[in-house]
Amino acid sequence: MRKKSQLSSEEAAKLVKDGDTVILGGFIGSAVPDALESALERRYLETKTPQKLNLVFAAGQGDGKEKAVNRLAHEGLVNHVIGGHWGLVPKLQSLVYEGKVTGHNLPQGVICQLYRDSAAGKPGMITHVGLGTYIDPRFEGGKVNQQTVEDKVQLTEIAGKEYLFYPRIDADIALLRGTTADENGNISMEEECLVLENLAIAQLVHNCGGKVIVQVKNIVKAGEMPPQSVRVPGVFVDAIVLCDESEHPQTFSEPFNPAYIGRGEKPHASSLEMSPLDIKKVIARRAALELKQDAIINYGIGLPELIAQVAREEDISEKAIATVEPGAIGGTPAGGLSFGASAYPEAVITQDQMFDFYGGGGLDQAFLGLAEVDRVGNINVSKFGQKLVGCGGFIDITQNAKTVYFCGTFTAGYSDIKITESGLQIIQDGHINKFIEQVQQITFSAHTATLNSKPVLYITERAVFQLTEQGLELIEIAPGIDLEKDILSKMGFSPKISSELKEMDGRLFSLQKMNLSMQNR
């Protein structure tokens, strides 16, 4: 095999031409080729080239400020964007809001799997994922603004059942990241938290006749790399960019954490300090009551991250199997800008493989965030006013998990809620009601869930609801809470109230451990 080009980041940036479709690898701040994106930004600011790029990314990639995809959010540089999660790319959101770029917000898992199907020469992908949500062409078709007119999702029918068809992606450039490359371009990822869908992307771009460029921090001689460690074979790689360690942090919040690659001694639960008790922990504790023995679980970003912490504090985290959509199986999921990584995972597979597993119904339980809920039980976590957060893997996960739990505070905005051994006392409530008549955008379709007889709970610090064919039913209320004053008056609709309305478990409000034991599946 011939040796591959070893370029500087500036030389690599010059391979990108006007109008190219560029696929960007990475998950939040893990395995993000930020040095390459930074070089591409510098080139544009200095020369105003390349122009009118079409960007494609599956997961959220950014720090909410300047890094990753934010570097490319310049008027003139970007033409169109297909992205899964947009919450960490506010600069790109601004261009969408101002109508300066067009784009589509598609499910994260669909995009990952579409890379692989496109690489295989297929015309696209047929799936149930997205039906009944804003992705469905009978609603918005995943379009991010009025300037976007191209249809990227089609409704189809097979054997009397409805599906969505997502057309293939063709691309010119892949910007990826690994840990080590050999002289022939073989890429390993031994110090990356995740391996993601790098192989599928590289195969796709190679088969389209494009250029695959990989950022690494080590280069070794040909033959020194064990073949089983190669995650992207050199036959799919065109150029290697060696970066300084400072340009190659493991995540955007941690330069290197050996726990994310299974190194070092795993701490015992008894050595961990308990986290402070606040209303978010109350919610996480209530959700943890639902954990099932030996269940395969997904914890979403945000508040659901705390459920994993509670399970660890209660020394029950080993009794279930946590997974994170980009590929980690087992261990304890990380939070913040390290979300996606897991401490001491048992295995790490590719992101498209994980969504294959999810899509086939492999998840027993999924714990996701709760932002807006309406009277029929629809959830919106993807768009608020002009803020485009995006769906990420939310749609893939909630439509495929056997049981779904939405977890969040009952209201939003500043609040002062006192927690005592006897329950909750609301001194000042949040000024934004989250339970409203109709959500702005349907990210979770209650109608689709009820058609599939999916059990769904909505868990807050003061109330727990379940999904029924008639909409939401209130089944639990926190001690110390006034039903009319603290719940019903803060809702934009009247839920059904269970004839067996219960008081939430008193252990949720204790400063001590709950001494949890898991239910059987």
Protein backbone atom coordinates (compact mmCIF):
# COMPACT_ATOMS: atom_id res chain seq x y z
CA MET A 1 0.00 0.00 0.00
CA ARG A 2 1.37 3.41 -0.87
CA LYS A 3 2.09 5.92 1.86
CA LYS A 4 -0.51 8.61 2.44
CA SER A 5 -0.02 12.36 2.24
CA GLN A 6 0.93 13.94 5.55
CA LEU A 7 -0.34 17.50 5.46
CA SER A 8 -0.51 20.47 7.76
CA SER A 9 -4.00 21.54 8.78
CA GLU A 10 -3.65 24.57 6.46
CA GLU A 11 -2.73 22.35 3.50
CA ALA A 12 -5.65 20.04 4.28
CA ALA A 13 -8.07 22.98 4.36
CA LYS A 14 -7.05 23.85 0.79
CA LEU A 15 -8.45 20.51 -0.42
CA VAL A 16 -11.97 21.81 0.21
CA LYS A 17 -13.48 23.46 -2.89
CA ASP A 18 -16.39 25.83 -3.44
CA GLY A 19 -19.74 24.04 -3.24
CA ASP A 20 -18.34 20.87 -1.69
CA THR A 21 -20.46 18.69 0.59
CA VAL A 22 -18.43 18.16 3.76
CA ILE A 23 -19.22 15.48 6.35
CA LEU A 24 -17.98 16.31 9.84
CA GLY A 25 -17.18 13.60 12.38
CA GLY A 26 -17.50 13.91 16.15
CA PHE A 27 -19.94 13.85 19.07
CA ILE A 28 -20.21 17.09 21.13
CA GLY A 29 -16.50 17.37 21.98
CA SER A 30 -15.37 13.77 21.50
CA ALA A 31 -13.46 12.71 18.36
CA VAL A 32 -14.09 16.15 16.82
CA PRO A 33 -11.51 17.19 14.17
CA ASP A 34 -11.42 20.68 15.61
CA ALA A 35 -7.94 21.52 14.31
CA LEU A 36 -9.13 20.87 10.75
CA GLU A 37 -12.28 22.93 11.24
CA SER A 38 -10.23 25.75 12.75
CA ALA A 39 -7.89 25.72 9.73
CA LEU A 40 -10.86 25.80 7.36
CA GLU A 41 -12.26 28.81 9.21
CA ARG A 42 -8.92 30.64 9.06
CA ARG A 43 -8.69 30.00 5.33
CA TYR A 44 -12.15 31.42 4.75
CA LEU A 45 -11.55 34.51 6.90
CA GLU A 46 -8.28 35.21 5.08
CA THR A 47 -9.28 34.40 1.49
CA LYS A 48 -13.11 34.17 1.44
CA THR A 49 -12.77 30.65 0.07
CA PRO A 50 -14.19 28.08 -0.04
CA GLN A 51 -17.76 29.28 -0.44
CA LYS A 52 -21.24 27.73 -0.32
CA LEU A 53 -20.31 24.52 1.46
CA ASN A 54 -22.96 21.95 2.29
CA LEU A 55 -22.31 20.62 5.80
CA VAL A 56 -23.50 17.28 7.16
CA PHE A 57 -23.16 16.10 10.77
CA ALA A 58 -25.08 13.52 12.76
CA ALA A 59 -24.54 14.36 16.43
CA GLY A 60 -24.15 17.73 18.10
CA GLN A 61 -20.62 19.02 17.61
CA GLY A 62 -19.58 22.08 19.58
CA ASP A 63 -19.08 23.75 22.92
CA GLY A 64 -21.98 26.17 22.64
CA LYS A 65 -19.53 28.97 21.80
CA GLU A 66 -16.67 28.87 19.30
CA LYS A 67 -15.51 25.32 18.65
CA ALA A 68 -16.28 22.61 16.08
CA VAL A 69 -19.17 23.45 13.72
CA ASN A 70 -19.40 26.97 15.20
CA ARG A 71 -16.10 27.73 13.45
CA LEU A 72 -17.74 27.21 10.07
CA ALA A 73 -20.84 29.32 10.73
CA HIS A 74 -19.95 32.25 8.49
CA GLU A 75 -22.24 33.83 5.93
CA GLY A 76 -20.92 32.87 2.51
CA LEU A 77 -18.99 29.85 3.76
CA VAL A 78 -22.10 27.73 4.34
CA ASN A 79 -24.96 27.12 1.92
CA HIS A 80 -26.95 24.20 3.32
CA VAL A 81 -26.77 22.08 6.48
CA ILE A 82 -28.06 18.63 7.38
CA GLY A 83 -27.61 18.11 11.10
CA GLY A 84 -28.96 15.97 13.89
CA HIS A 85 -28.45 18.14 16.98
CA TRP A 86 -28.01 21.92 16.79
CA GLY A 87 -28.06 22.96 20.44
CA LEU A 88 -24.29 23.46 20.73
CA VAL A 89 -23.89 25.45 17.49
CA PRO A 90 -25.56 28.81 18.26
CA LYS A 91 -23.70 30.57 15.46
CA LEU A 92 -25.19 28.20 12.92
CA GLN A 93 -28.60 28.64 14.53
CA SER A 94 -28.29 32.40 13.93
CA LEU A 95 -27.64 31.90 10.22
CA VAL A 96 -30.72 29.69 10.01
CA TYR A 97 -32.87 32.20 11.89
CA GLU A 98 -31.70 35.01 9.59
CA GLY A 99 -32.46 32.90 6.51
CA LYS A 100 -28.85 33.03 5.35
CA VAL A 101 -28.52 29.26 5.08
CA THR A 102 -31.01 26.49 4.39
CA GLY A 103 -31.05 23.13 6.09
CA HIS A 104 -32.70 20.04 7.52
CA ASN A 105 -32.76 18.74 11.06
CA LEU A 106 -32.99 14.96 10.75
CA PRO A 107 -32.76 12.20 13.40
CA GLN A 108 -29.20 11.51 14.48
CA GLY A 109 -29.48 7.76 14.09
CA VAL A 110 -31.01 8.07 10.65
CA ILE A 111 -28.09 10.22 9.49
CA CYS A 112 -25.54 7.71 10.84
CA GLN A 113 -27.27 4.80 9.15
CA LEU A 114 -27.74 6.82 5.97
CA TYR A 115 -23.95 7.26 5.75
CA ARG A 116 -23.57 3.49 5.70
CA ASP A 117 -26.42 2.87 3.25
CA SER A 118 -25.13 5.59 0.95
CA ALA A 119 -21.63 4.11 1.07
CA ALA A 120 -23.16 0.79 -0.05
CA GLY A 121 -24.64 2.45 -3.14
CA LYS A 122 -28.24 2.26 -1.94
CA PRO A 123 -30.74 4.92 -3.06
CA GLY A 124 -31.48 5.83 0.55
CA MET A 125 -33.01 4.45 3.71
CA ILE A 126 -36.53 3.32 4.58
CA THR A 127 -37.52 3.44 8.25
CA HIS A 128 -40.40 4.12 10.61
CA VAL A 129 -38.25 6.62 12.54
CA GLY A 130 -39.77 10.09 12.31
CA LEU A 131 -43.37 9.13 11.60
CA GLY A 132 -45.80 11.46 13.37
CA THR A 133 -43.09 13.96 14.31
CA TYR A 134 -41.96 17.19 12.62
CA ILE A 135 -39.74 15.02 10.41
CA ASP A 136 -42.85 13.57 8.75
CA PRO A 137 -43.45 15.40 5.41
CA ARG A 138 -47.11 15.76 6.39
CA PHE A 139 -45.85 18.18 9.04
CA GLU A 140 -42.54 19.99 8.43
CA GLY A 141 -40.34 17.44 6.67
CA GLY A 142 -37.43 18.37 8.93
CA LYS A 143 -36.95 21.77 7.26
CA VAL A 144 -35.27 24.34 9.50
CA ASN A 145 -36.68 27.56 8.02
CA GLN A 146 -38.98 28.96 5.33
CA GLN A 147 -36.06 29.42 2.95
CA THR A 148 -35.59 25.63 2.83
CA VAL A 149 -37.71 24.26 0.00
CA GLU A 150 -35.95 21.00 -0.92
CA ASP A 151 -37.74 17.88 0.31
CA LYS A 152 -35.43 15.43 2.09
CA VAL A 153 -38.04 13.05 3.49
CA GLN A 154 -40.73 11.16 1.60
CA LEU A 155 -43.73 9.21 2.88
CA THR A 156 -44.03 5.71 1.44
CA GLU A 157 -46.00 2.53 2.06
CA ILE A 158 -44.83 -1.08 2.11
CA ALA A 159 -47.21 -4.02 2.68
CA GLY A 160 -49.86 -1.64 3.94
CA LYS A 161 -47.61 0.07 6.52
CA GLU A 162 -46.33 3.64 6.44
CA TYR A 163 -42.60 4.39 6.37
CA LEU A 164 -40.33 7.35 5.66
CA PHE A 165 -37.75 7.33 2.87
CA TYR A 166 -34.57 9.38 3.36
CA PRO A 167 -32.62 9.83 0.07
CA ARG A 168 -28.91 8.97 -0.01
CA ILE A 169 -26.16 11.43 0.84
CA ASP A 170 -23.31 12.11 -1.58
CA ALA A 171 -20.24 13.94 -0.32
CA ASP A 172 -16.90 15.35 -1.45
CA ILE A 173 -14.94 15.74 1.79
CA ALA A 174 -14.79 13.93 5.15
CA LEU A 175 -13.13 15.61 8.13
CA LEU A 176 -12.52 12.94 10.77
CA ARG A 177 -10.36 12.29 13.81
CA GLY A 178 -8.42 9.33 15.17
CA THR A 179 -5.62 8.84 17.68
CA THR A 180 -2.86 7.22 15.62
CA ALA A 181 -2.17 6.78 11.92
CA ASP A 182 0.47 4.67 10.27
CA GLU A 183 2.25 5.76 7.11
CA ASN A 184 -0.32 3.94 4.97
CA GLY A 185 -3.20 5.88 6.51
CA ASN A 186 -4.58 3.15 8.77
CA ILE A 187 -6.33 4.87 11.67
CA SER A 188 -6.72 3.66 15.26
CA MET A 189 -8.76 5.38 17.97
CA GLU A 190 -7.27 3.92 21.14
CA GLU A 191 -7.44 7.15 23.15
CA GLU A 192 -10.75 8.46 21.79
CA CYS A 193 -13.87 8.09 23.96
CA LEU A 194 -15.85 6.94 20.95
CA VAL A 195 -15.28 5.47 17.51
CA LEU A 196 -18.54 6.88 16.10
CA GLU A 197 -19.47 6.39 12.44
CA ASN A 198 -16.02 7.25 11.06
CA LEU A 199 -15.74 4.07 9.00
CA ALA A 200 -19.11 4.56 7.31
CA ILE A 201 -18.26 8.20 6.52
CA ALA A 202 -14.86 7.29 5.09
CA GLN A 203 -16.34 4.56 2.89
CA LEU A 204 -19.07 6.90 1.68
CA VAL A 205 -16.75 9.73 0.70
CA HIS A 206 -14.20 7.36 -0.84
CA ASN A 207 -16.90 5.70 -2.95
CA CYS A 208 -18.08 9.15 -4.07
CA GLY A 209 -14.57 9.92 -5.31
CA GLY A 210 -13.97 12.50 -2.59
CA LYS A 211 -11.19 13.16 -0.08
CA VAL A 212 -11.02 11.66 3.42
CA ILE A 213 -8.87 13.73 5.78
CA VAL A 214 -8.09 12.51 9.29
CA GLN A 215 -6.68 14.47 12.23
CA VAL A 216 -4.42 12.39 14.54
CA LYS A 217 -1.89 13.02 17.29
CA ASN A 218 0.52 10.15 16.51
CA ILE A 219 2.05 8.70 13.35
CA VAL A 220 3.88 5.34 13.31
CA LYS A 221 5.63 3.37 10.62
CA ALA A 222 3.70 1.04 8.36
CA GLY A 223 3.35 -2.40 9.90
CA GLU A 224 3.57 -1.24 13.53
CA MET A 225 -0.18 -1.03 14.07
CA PRO A 226 -2.02 -4.26 15.03
CA PRO A 227 -4.60 -4.86 12.29
CA GLN A 228 -7.36 -5.51 14.84
CA SER A 229 -6.88 -1.99 16.22
CA VAL A 230 -7.55 -0.30 12.85
CA ARG A 231 -10.91 1.50 12.88
CA VAL A 232 -10.57 3.19 9.47
CA PRO A 233 -8.40 1.29 6.96
CA GLY A 234 -5.92 3.32 4.98
CA VAL A 235 -7.53 2.32 1.68
CA PHE A 236 -10.29 4.84 2.51
CA VAL A 237 -7.97 7.64 3.69
CA ASP A 238 -6.43 10.33 1.48
CA ALA A 239 -4.56 12.58 3.90
CA ILE A 240 -3.32 12.57 7.50
CA VAL A 241 -2.89 15.71 9.60
CA LEU A 242 -0.64 15.41 12.65
CA CYS A 243 -1.78 17.74 15.40
CA ASP A 244 -0.27 18.90 18.64
CA GLU A 245 -1.61 17.35 21.85
CA SER A 246 -3.14 20.73 22.78
CA GLU A 247 -5.26 20.61 19.60
CA HIS A 248 -6.44 17.11 20.38
CA PRO A 249 -8.25 17.03 23.77
CA GLN A 250 -10.21 13.90 24.53
CA THR A 251 -13.37 15.99 25.05
CA PHE A 252 -14.08 19.72 25.10
CA SER A 253 -14.06 19.67 28.91
CA GLU A 254 -11.29 17.16 29.67
CA PRO A 255 -7.83 16.92 28.06
CA PHE A 256 -7.66 13.23 28.91
CA ASN A 257 -9.61 11.00 31.27
CA PRO A 258 -8.25 7.43 31.36
CA ALA A 259 -11.58 6.14 32.72
CA TYR A 260 -13.20 6.83 29.31
CA ILE A 261 -10.98 4.21 27.71
CA GLY A 262 -11.20 1.80 30.64
CA ARG A 263 -7.85 2.53 32.21
CA GLY A 264 -7.12 2.97 35.91
CA GLU A 265 -8.83 1.62 38.99
CA LYS A 266 -12.59 1.87 39.08
CA PRO A 267 -13.81 3.66 42.24
CA HIS A 268 -16.28 1.87 44.48
CA ALA A 269 -19.63 3.54 45.17
CA SER A 270 -18.77 3.82 48.89
CA SER A 271 -15.87 6.15 48.02
CA LEU A 272 -18.09 8.60 46.12
CA GLU A 273 -19.55 11.70 47.73
CA MET A 274 -23.30 12.13 47.47
CA SER A 275 -24.40 14.93 45.20
CA PRO A 276 -26.43 17.79 46.73
CA LEU A 277 -30.17 17.27 47.05
CA ASP A 278 -32.11 19.60 44.77
CA ILE A 279 -35.27 19.24 42.70
CA LYS A 280 -33.35 17.78 39.76
CA LYS A 281 -31.99 15.06 42.00
CA VAL A 282 -35.52 14.42 43.28
CA ILE A 283 -36.58 13.84 39.66
CA ALA A 284 -33.57 11.61 39.00
CA ARG A 285 -34.36 9.59 42.13
CA ARG A 286 -37.98 9.13 41.08
CA ALA A 287 -36.81 7.97 37.67
CA ALA A 288 -34.32 5.59 39.31
CA LEU A 289 -37.24 3.87 41.04
CA GLU A 290 -38.19 2.62 37.57
CA LEU A 291 -34.84 0.97 36.83
CA LYS A 292 -35.16 -2.72 36.05
CA GLN A 293 -32.71 -5.51 36.85
CA ASP A 294 -30.54 -6.41 33.82
CA ALA A 295 -32.33 -3.85 31.62
CA ILE A 296 -30.49 -2.21 28.73
CA ILE A 297 -30.87 1.52 29.26
CA ASN A 298 -30.25 4.82 27.52
CA TYR A 299 -29.76 7.99 29.56
CA GLY A 300 -30.30 11.17 27.55
CA ILE A 301 -28.40 14.44 27.83
CA GLY A 302 -29.27 16.94 30.55
CA LEU A 303 -31.26 15.94 33.60
CA PRO A 304 -31.32 12.20 32.72
CA GLU A 305 -27.53 12.20 33.20
CA LEU A 306 -28.26 12.53 36.94
CA ILE A 307 -30.11 9.21 36.99
CA ALA A 308 -26.82 7.44 36.31
CA GLN A 309 -25.28 9.37 39.24
CA VAL A 310 -28.11 8.32 41.55
CA ALA A 311 -27.72 4.70 40.47
CA ARG A 312 -24.01 4.91 41.22
CA GLU A 313 -24.62 6.49 44.66
CA GLU A 314 -27.09 3.74 45.45
CA ASP A 315 -24.60 1.10 44.27
CA ILE A 316 -27.05 -0.36 41.74
CA SER A 317 -25.50 0.89 38.52
CA GLU A 318 -23.93 -2.53 37.85
CA LYS A 319 -27.34 -4.22 37.99
CA ALA A 320 -28.45 -2.65 34.70
CA ILE A 321 -26.58 -1.97 31.48
CA ALA A 322 -26.21 1.68 30.54
CA THR A 323 -25.68 2.55 26.91
CA VAL A 324 -25.11 5.87 25.18
CA GLU A 325 -26.17 6.35 21.58
CA PRO A 326 -22.71 7.10 20.14
CA GLY A 327 -21.55 3.62 21.08
CA ALA A 328 -20.56 3.04 24.73
CA ILE A 329 -21.98 -0.05 26.45
CA GLY A 330 -21.75 -0.38 30.23
CA GLY A 331 -19.94 1.89 32.65
CA THR A 332 -21.18 5.25 33.89
CA PRO A 333 -22.22 7.85 31.27
CA ALA A 334 -20.44 11.21 31.54
CA GLY A 335 -22.18 14.57 31.50
CA GLY A 336 -21.73 18.11 30.22
CA LEU A 337 -19.33 18.56 27.30
CA SER A 338 -18.07 15.02 27.93
CA PHE A 339 -21.54 13.57 27.34
CA GLY A 340 -21.32 10.56 25.05
CA ALA A 341 -18.32 9.14 26.86
CA SER A 342 -18.69 6.58 29.62
CA ALA A 343 -16.34 5.83 32.50
CA TYR A 344 -15.11 2.24 32.42
CA PRO A 345 -17.32 1.00 29.57
CA GLU A 346 -17.41 -2.71 28.80
CA ALA A 347 -17.38 -2.10 25.05
CA VAL A 348 -17.57 0.69 22.49
CA ILE A 349 -19.21 0.05 19.13
CA THR A 350 -19.86 2.40 16.22
CA GLN A 351 -22.72 4.88 16.40
CA ASP A 352 -24.52 3.44 13.36
CA GLN A 353 -24.31 -0.02 14.96
CA MET A 354 -25.78 1.31 18.21
CA PHE A 355 -28.71 2.85 16.36
CA ASP A 356 -29.18 -0.46 14.53
CA PHE A 357 -29.56 -2.06 17.94
CA TYR A 358 -31.90 0.67 19.16
CA GLY A 359 -33.94 0.61 15.95
CA GLY A 360 -34.60 -3.09 16.30
CA GLY A 361 -36.09 -2.62 19.76
CA GLY A 362 -33.01 -3.54 21.81
CA LEU A 363 -33.50 -0.80 24.41
CA ASP A 364 -35.58 -1.82 27.41
CA GLN A 365 -35.76 1.62 29.01
CA ALA A 366 -34.99 5.14 27.78
CA PHE A 367 -34.81 8.20 30.05
CA LEU A 368 -35.00 11.46 28.11
CA GLY A 369 -35.52 15.16 28.82
CA LEU A 370 -38.82 16.96 29.16
CA ALA A 371 -39.14 20.49 27.79
CA GLU A 372 -42.68 21.07 26.49
CA VAL A 373 -45.62 18.69 26.91
CA ASP A 374 -49.12 19.12 25.51
CA ARG A 375 -52.53 17.74 26.38
CA VAL A 376 -52.23 14.60 24.24
CA GLY A 377 -48.71 13.84 25.52
CA ASN A 378 -46.59 15.12 22.62
CA ILE A 379 -43.11 16.32 23.62
CA ASN A 380 -41.06 19.15 22.11
CA VAL A 381 -37.33 19.26 22.82
CA SER A 382 -36.20 20.50 19.41
CA LYS A 383 -37.43 24.05 18.79
CA PHE A 384 -38.33 26.97 21.08
CA GLY A 385 -39.26 30.21 19.37
CA GLN A 386 -36.36 30.87 17.05
CA LYS A 387 -33.98 28.62 18.99
CA LEU A 388 -33.26 25.47 16.98
CA VAL A 389 -32.01 22.81 19.38
CA GLY A 390 -32.64 19.87 17.08
CA CYS A 391 -33.76 16.34 17.80
CA GLY A 392 -30.41 14.57 18.05
CA GLY A 393 -31.12 10.91 18.79
CA PHE A 394 -34.34 11.71 20.67
CA ILE A 395 -36.68 10.49 17.92
CA ASP A 396 -34.70 7.33 17.15
CA ILE A 397 -34.60 6.43 20.85
CA THR A 398 -38.15 7.29 21.93
CA GLN A 399 -39.79 5.59 18.96
CA ASN A 400 -37.86 2.36 19.49
CA ALA A 401 -37.32 1.83 23.23
CA LYS A 402 -39.75 -0.57 24.90
CA THR A 403 -40.54 1.92 27.69
CA VAL A 404 -39.90 5.68 27.75
CA TYR A 405 -39.55 8.06 30.70
CA PHE A 406 -39.48 11.83 30.17
CA CYS A 407 -37.77 13.62 33.04
CA GLY A 408 -37.75 17.34 33.80
CA THR A 409 -38.84 20.12 36.12
CA PHE A 410 -42.55 20.94 36.17
CA THR A 411 -41.94 24.60 35.29
CA ALA A 412 -38.98 26.48 33.80
CA GLY A 413 -37.28 29.69 34.87
CA TYR A 414 -35.98 30.76 38.27
CA SER A 415 -37.64 28.96 41.15
CA ASP A 416 -37.18 28.56 44.88
CA ILE A 417 -38.42 25.17 45.99
CA LYS A 418 -37.53 23.95 49.45
CA ILE A 419 -36.98 20.24 50.03
CA THR A 420 -37.72 18.88 53.47
CA GLU A 421 -38.12 15.40 54.92
CA SER A 422 -41.87 15.93 54.61
CA GLY A 423 -41.80 16.86 50.92
CA LEU A 424 -41.73 20.03 48.82
CA GLN A 425 -42.52 23.64 49.64
CA ILE A 426 -42.77 26.04 46.70
CA ILE A 427 -41.58 29.51 47.74
CA GLN A 428 -41.35 30.81 44.17
CA ASP A 429 -42.29 28.86 41.09
CA GLY A 430 -40.76 29.04 37.63
CA HIS A 431 -42.56 31.55 35.42
CA ILE A 432 -42.64 29.34 32.31
CA ASN A 433 -45.28 26.62 32.11
CA LYS A 434 -44.01 23.49 30.40
CA PHE A 435 -47.34 21.65 30.27
CA ILE A 436 -49.18 23.56 27.55
CA GLU A 437 -52.13 23.17 25.19
CA GLN A 438 -50.03 22.41 22.09
CA VAL A 439 -46.29 22.04 21.64
CA GLN A 440 -44.50 24.19 19.08
CA GLN A 441 -42.93 21.18 17.40
CA ILE A 442 -43.59 17.45 17.79
CA THR A 443 -40.35 15.64 18.64
CA PHE A 444 -42.17 12.77 20.35
CA SER A 445 -45.48 11.70 18.87
CA ALA A 446 -47.92 10.51 21.52
CA HIS A 447 -50.25 9.25 18.77
CA THR A 448 -47.52 7.01 17.35
CA ALA A 449 -46.65 5.77 20.84
CA THR A 450 -50.25 4.85 21.70
CA LEU A 451 -50.66 3.07 18.35
CA ASN A 452 -47.69 0.92 19.39
CA SER A 453 -49.00 0.49 22.99
CA LYS A 454 -45.77 1.98 24.35
CA PRO A 455 -45.68 2.65 28.14
CA VAL A 456 -44.68 6.29 28.75
CA LEU A 457 -44.18 8.20 32.03
CA TYR A 458 -43.63 11.95 32.51
CA ILE A 459 -41.64 12.50 35.71
CA THR A 460 -41.28 15.86 37.48
CA GLU A 461 -40.34 16.87 41.02
CA ARG A 462 -43.97 17.36 42.07
CA ALA A 463 -46.06 15.15 39.79
CA VAL A 464 -45.87 12.01 37.69
CA PHE A 465 -48.11 11.43 34.67
CA GLN A 466 -48.65 8.46 32.39
CA LEU A 467 -49.69 8.42 28.75
CA THR A 468 -53.15 7.08 27.96
CA GLU A 469 -55.24 7.04 24.79
CA GLN A 470 -57.08 10.08 26.21
CA GLY A 471 -53.85 12.00 26.92
CA LEU A 472 -52.04 12.59 30.21
CA GLU A 473 -53.19 11.05 33.46
CA LEU A 474 -51.84 12.29 36.81
CA ILE A 475 -50.84 9.27 38.90
CA GLU A 476 -48.55 10.68 41.63
CA ILE A 477 -48.15 13.92 43.55
CA ALA A 478 -45.34 15.01 45.88
CA PRO A 479 -46.06 15.42 49.61
CA GLY A 480 -46.48 19.07 50.56
CA ILE A 481 -47.86 19.98 47.12
CA ASP A 482 -51.34 21.47 46.65
CA LEU A 483 -52.99 19.77 43.67
CA GLU A 484 -54.92 22.81 42.44
CA LYS A 485 -52.45 25.60 43.30
CA ASP A 486 -49.14 23.91 42.45
CA ILE A 487 -50.12 21.61 39.58
CA LEU A 488 -53.44 22.16 37.83
CA SER A 489 -53.25 25.97 37.81
CA LYS A 490 -49.80 25.74 36.17
CA MET A 491 -51.03 23.61 33.26
CA GLY A 492 -52.52 24.77 29.96
CA PHE A 493 -54.99 21.90 30.02
CA SER A 494 -56.80 19.68 32.50
CA PRO A 495 -55.27 16.21 32.75
CA LYS A 496 -57.16 13.13 33.76
CA ILE A 497 -56.59 12.47 37.47
CA SER A 498 -56.21 8.86 38.51
CA SER A 499 -58.79 7.48 40.90
CA GLU A 500 -55.79 5.90 42.64
CA LEU A 501 -53.67 9.06 42.86
CA LYS A 502 -50.67 8.25 45.04
CA GLU A 503 -48.14 10.25 47.05
CA MET A 504 -44.58 10.12 45.72
CA ASP A 505 -42.11 8.00 47.69
CA GLY A 506 -40.89 9.88 50.76
CA ARG A 507 -37.32 8.63 50.26
CA LEU A 508 -37.00 11.00 47.29
CA PHE A 509 -36.79 13.97 49.65
CA SER A 510 -34.35 12.53 52.18
CA LEU A 511 -30.75 13.66 52.60
CA GLN A 512 -29.80 10.03 53.13
CA LYS A 513 -29.40 7.33 50.51
CA MET A 514 -32.61 5.70 49.38
CA ASN A 515 -31.27 2.14 49.69
CA LEU A 516 -32.68 1.33 46.27
CA SER A 517 -33.09 -2.16 44.93
CA MET A 518 -34.02 -2.77 41.32
CA GLN A 519 -37.27 -4.25 40.09
CA ASN A 520 -37.18 -7.38 37.96
CA ARG A 521 -37.71 -6.93 34.22
